[in-house]
Amino acid sequence: MQIVTSWMEEGIQQGELKIIQRLLTRRIGAIAPELQEQVRGLSSTQLEDLAEALLDFSTEADLVAWLQQQQS
């Protein structure tokens, strides 16, 4: 049961990541590979927070600032 749950959680997180990457690209344009890597490293909770925050982004700098805020 635990293996199935882990597998399902990983699948859900991958789905969230894919959607957020698409939304970011649509919102602010192409994203630098190093920023994409940072986004891929976020936890599920952080991805959910990013999904909400990106609605206010207008440039890549907004994403950079948000990611820096997560590290502190």
N, C-alpha and C. Protein backbone atom coordinates (compact mmCIF):
# COMPACT_ATOMS: atom_id res chain seq x y z
N MET A 1 0.82 -1.19 0.00
CA MET A 1 0.00 0.00 0.00
C MET A 1 0.87 1.26 0.00
N GLN A 2 1.93 1.24 0.80
CA GLN A 2 2.79 2.40 0.90
C GLN A 2 3.50 2.68 -0.43
N ILE A 3 3.88 1.64 -1.14
CA ILE A 3 4.53 1.81 -2.43
C ILE A 3 3.59 2.48 -3.41
N VAL A 4 2.35 2.06 -3.43
CA VAL A 4 1.36 2.66 -4.33
C VAL A 4 1.16 4.12 -3.98
N THR A 5 1.06 4.43 -2.69
CA THR A 5 0.86 5.81 -2.26
C THR A 5 2.03 6.67 -2.68
N SER A 6 3.25 6.19 -2.49
CA SER A 6 4.45 6.93 -2.88
C SER A 6 4.46 7.17 -4.38
N TRP A 7 4.12 6.14 -5.14
CA TRP A 7 4.09 6.24 -6.60
C TRP A 7 3.05 7.26 -7.04
N MET A 8 1.89 7.23 -6.39
CA MET A 8 0.82 8.17 -6.74
C MET A 8 1.22 9.59 -6.39
N GLU A 9 1.86 9.80 -5.23
CA GLU A 9 2.30 11.13 -4.84
C GLU A 9 3.32 11.67 -5.83
N GLU A 10 4.23 10.82 -6.26
CA GLU A 10 5.24 11.24 -7.23
C GLU A 10 4.58 11.63 -8.55
N GLY A 11 3.60 10.86 -8.97
CA GLY A 11 2.88 11.17 -10.21
C GLY A 11 2.13 12.48 -10.11
N ILE A 12 1.51 12.72 -8.98
CA ILE A 12 0.78 13.97 -8.77
C ILE A 12 1.74 15.14 -8.80
N GLN A 13 2.88 15.00 -8.12
CA GLN A 13 3.86 16.09 -8.09
C GLN A 13 4.40 16.36 -9.50
N GLN A 14 4.63 15.32 -10.28
CA GLN A 14 5.11 15.51 -11.65
C GLN A 14 4.06 16.23 -12.49
N GLY A 15 2.80 15.91 -12.27
CA GLY A 15 1.72 16.60 -12.98
C GLY A 15 1.65 18.06 -12.60
N GLU A 16 1.79 18.34 -11.31
CA GLU A 16 1.80 19.73 -10.85
C GLU A 16 2.96 20.49 -11.48
N LEU A 17 4.13 19.87 -11.48
CA LEU A 17 5.32 20.49 -12.03
C LEU A 17 5.12 20.83 -13.50
N LYS A 18 4.57 19.89 -14.26
CA LYS A 18 4.37 20.10 -15.69
C LYS A 18 3.42 21.28 -15.95
N ILE A 19 2.35 21.34 -15.19
CA ILE A 19 1.38 22.43 -15.36
C ILE A 19 2.02 23.76 -14.98
N ILE A 20 2.75 23.79 -13.87
CA ILE A 20 3.37 25.04 -13.43
C ILE A 20 4.40 25.51 -14.44
N GLN A 21 5.17 24.60 -15.00
CA GLN A 21 6.15 24.99 -16.02
C GLN A 21 5.44 25.59 -17.24
N ARG A 22 4.34 25.00 -17.64
CA ARG A 22 3.58 25.54 -18.79
C ARG A 22 3.02 26.92 -18.46
N LEU A 23 2.49 27.08 -17.25
CA LEU A 23 1.94 28.37 -16.85
C LEU A 23 3.02 29.44 -16.76
N LEU A 24 4.17 29.07 -16.22
CA LEU A 24 5.28 30.03 -16.15
C LEU A 24 5.71 30.48 -17.54
N THR A 25 5.84 29.52 -18.45
CA THR A 25 6.24 29.86 -19.82
C THR A 25 5.22 30.78 -20.47
N ARG A 26 3.96 30.49 -20.25
CA ARG A 26 2.92 31.33 -20.84
C ARG A 26 2.90 32.72 -20.20
N ARG A 27 3.18 32.77 -18.90
CA ARG A 27 3.10 34.04 -18.18
C ARG A 27 4.32 34.93 -18.43
N ILE A 28 5.53 34.34 -18.39
CA ILE A 28 6.74 35.18 -18.46
C ILE A 28 7.67 34.82 -19.61
N GLY A 29 7.30 33.84 -20.42
CA GLY A 29 8.13 33.46 -21.56
C GLY A 29 9.11 32.35 -21.20
N ALA A 30 10.07 32.14 -22.08
CA ALA A 30 11.06 31.07 -21.89
C ALA A 30 11.82 31.29 -20.59
N ILE A 31 12.05 30.19 -19.88
CA ILE A 31 12.71 30.25 -18.59
C ILE A 31 14.09 29.62 -18.71
N ALA A 32 15.08 30.29 -18.13
CA ALA A 32 16.46 29.80 -18.18
C ALA A 32 16.54 28.39 -17.57
N PRO A 33 17.39 27.54 -18.15
CA PRO A 33 17.51 26.16 -17.65
C PRO A 33 17.82 26.05 -16.16
N GLU A 34 18.67 26.94 -15.65
CA GLU A 34 19.00 26.88 -14.22
C GLU A 34 17.78 27.19 -13.34
N LEU A 35 16.90 28.05 -13.83
CA LEU A 35 15.67 28.33 -13.09
C LEU A 35 14.71 27.15 -13.17
N GLN A 36 14.65 26.52 -14.34
CA GLN A 36 13.82 25.32 -14.48
C GLN A 36 14.27 24.24 -13.50
N GLU A 37 15.58 24.11 -13.34
CA GLU A 37 16.12 23.12 -12.41
C GLU A 37 15.72 23.44 -10.97
N GLN A 38 15.76 24.71 -10.61
CA GLN A 38 15.35 25.11 -9.27
C GLN A 38 13.88 24.80 -9.03
N VAL A 39 13.06 25.05 -10.03
CA VAL A 39 11.62 24.77 -9.92
C VAL A 39 11.41 23.27 -9.75
N ARG A 40 12.15 22.46 -10.49
CA ARG A 40 12.02 21.00 -10.39
C ARG A 40 12.40 20.51 -8.99
N GLY A 41 13.23 21.24 -8.28
CA GLY A 41 13.68 20.84 -6.95
C GLY A 41 12.74 21.25 -5.83
N LEU A 42 11.64 21.92 -6.15
CA LEU A 42 10.72 22.38 -5.11
C LEU A 42 9.87 21.24 -4.57
N SER A 43 9.48 21.38 -3.32
CA SER A 43 8.59 20.40 -2.70
C SER A 43 7.17 20.60 -3.22
N SER A 44 6.29 19.67 -2.91
CA SER A 44 4.88 19.80 -3.31
C SER A 44 4.25 21.07 -2.77
N THR A 45 4.53 21.36 -1.51
CA THR A 45 3.98 22.58 -0.90
C THR A 45 4.50 23.82 -1.59
N GLN A 46 5.78 23.84 -1.89
CA GLN A 46 6.36 24.98 -2.59
C GLN A 46 5.80 25.11 -4.00
N LEU A 47 5.57 23.99 -4.68
CA LEU A 47 4.96 24.04 -6.01
C LEU A 47 3.56 24.64 -5.95
N GLU A 48 2.81 24.26 -4.94
CA GLU A 48 1.47 24.84 -4.78
C GLU A 48 1.55 26.34 -4.53
N ASP A 49 2.51 26.76 -3.71
CA ASP A 49 2.70 28.19 -3.44
C ASP A 49 3.11 28.92 -4.72
N LEU A 50 3.99 28.30 -5.50
CA LEU A 50 4.42 28.90 -6.76
C LEU A 50 3.26 29.03 -7.74
N ALA A 51 2.40 28.03 -7.78
CA ALA A 51 1.24 28.08 -8.68
C ALA A 51 0.39 29.30 -8.39
N GLU A 52 0.27 29.65 -7.14
CA GLU A 52 -0.51 30.84 -6.78
C GLU A 52 0.28 32.11 -7.04
N ALA A 53 1.55 32.12 -6.66
CA ALA A 53 2.38 33.32 -6.81
C ALA A 53 2.59 33.71 -8.27
N LEU A 54 2.70 32.73 -9.15
CA LEU A 54 3.02 33.05 -10.55
C LEU A 54 1.93 33.87 -11.23
N LEU A 55 0.75 33.89 -10.65
CA LEU A 55 -0.32 34.72 -11.21
C LEU A 55 0.03 36.20 -11.17
N ASP A 56 0.94 36.58 -10.26
CA ASP A 56 1.37 37.97 -10.14
C ASP A 56 2.68 38.26 -10.86
N PHE A 57 3.31 37.26 -11.45
CA PHE A 57 4.58 37.45 -12.13
C PHE A 57 4.36 38.15 -13.48
N SER A 58 5.33 39.01 -13.83
CA SER A 58 5.29 39.60 -15.16
C SER A 58 6.63 39.43 -15.88
N THR A 59 7.68 39.11 -15.14
CA THR A 59 8.99 38.89 -15.75
C THR A 59 9.70 37.73 -15.06
N GLU A 60 10.77 37.28 -15.68
CA GLU A 60 11.58 36.21 -15.09
C GLU A 60 12.16 36.66 -13.75
N ALA A 61 12.41 37.95 -13.61
CA ALA A 61 12.94 38.49 -12.35
C ALA A 61 11.99 38.21 -11.19
N ASP A 62 10.70 38.20 -11.45
CA ASP A 62 9.74 37.88 -10.40
C ASP A 62 9.92 36.44 -9.92
N LEU A 63 10.17 35.53 -10.86
CA LEU A 63 10.41 34.14 -10.51
C LEU A 63 11.71 34.01 -9.72
N VAL A 64 12.75 34.70 -10.15
CA VAL A 64 14.03 34.67 -9.46
C VAL A 64 13.85 35.15 -8.02
N ALA A 65 13.16 36.26 -7.84
CA ALA A 65 12.94 36.81 -6.50
C ALA A 65 12.16 35.82 -5.63
N TRP A 66 11.15 35.18 -6.21
CA TRP A 66 10.34 34.23 -5.46
C TRP A 66 11.18 33.03 -5.03
N LEU A 67 12.00 32.52 -5.95
CA LEU A 67 12.86 31.38 -5.63
C LEU A 67 13.89 31.75 -4.54
N GLN A 68 14.43 32.95 -4.61
CA GLN A 68 15.39 33.39 -3.58
C GLN A 68 14.70 33.48 -2.23
N GLN A 69 13.47 33.93 -2.23
CA GLN A 69 12.71 34.03 -0.99
C GLN A 69 12.48 32.65 -0.37
N GLN A 70 12.31 31.65 -1.20
CA GLN A 70 12.09 30.28 -0.71
C GLN A 70 13.35 29.71 -0.06
N GLN A 71 14.50 30.17 -0.49
CA GLN A 71 15.76 29.65 0.04
C GLN A 71 16.09 30.25 1.40
N SER A 72 15.51 31.39 1.72
CA SER A 72 15.84 32.04 3.00
C SER A 72 14.95 31.60 4.11
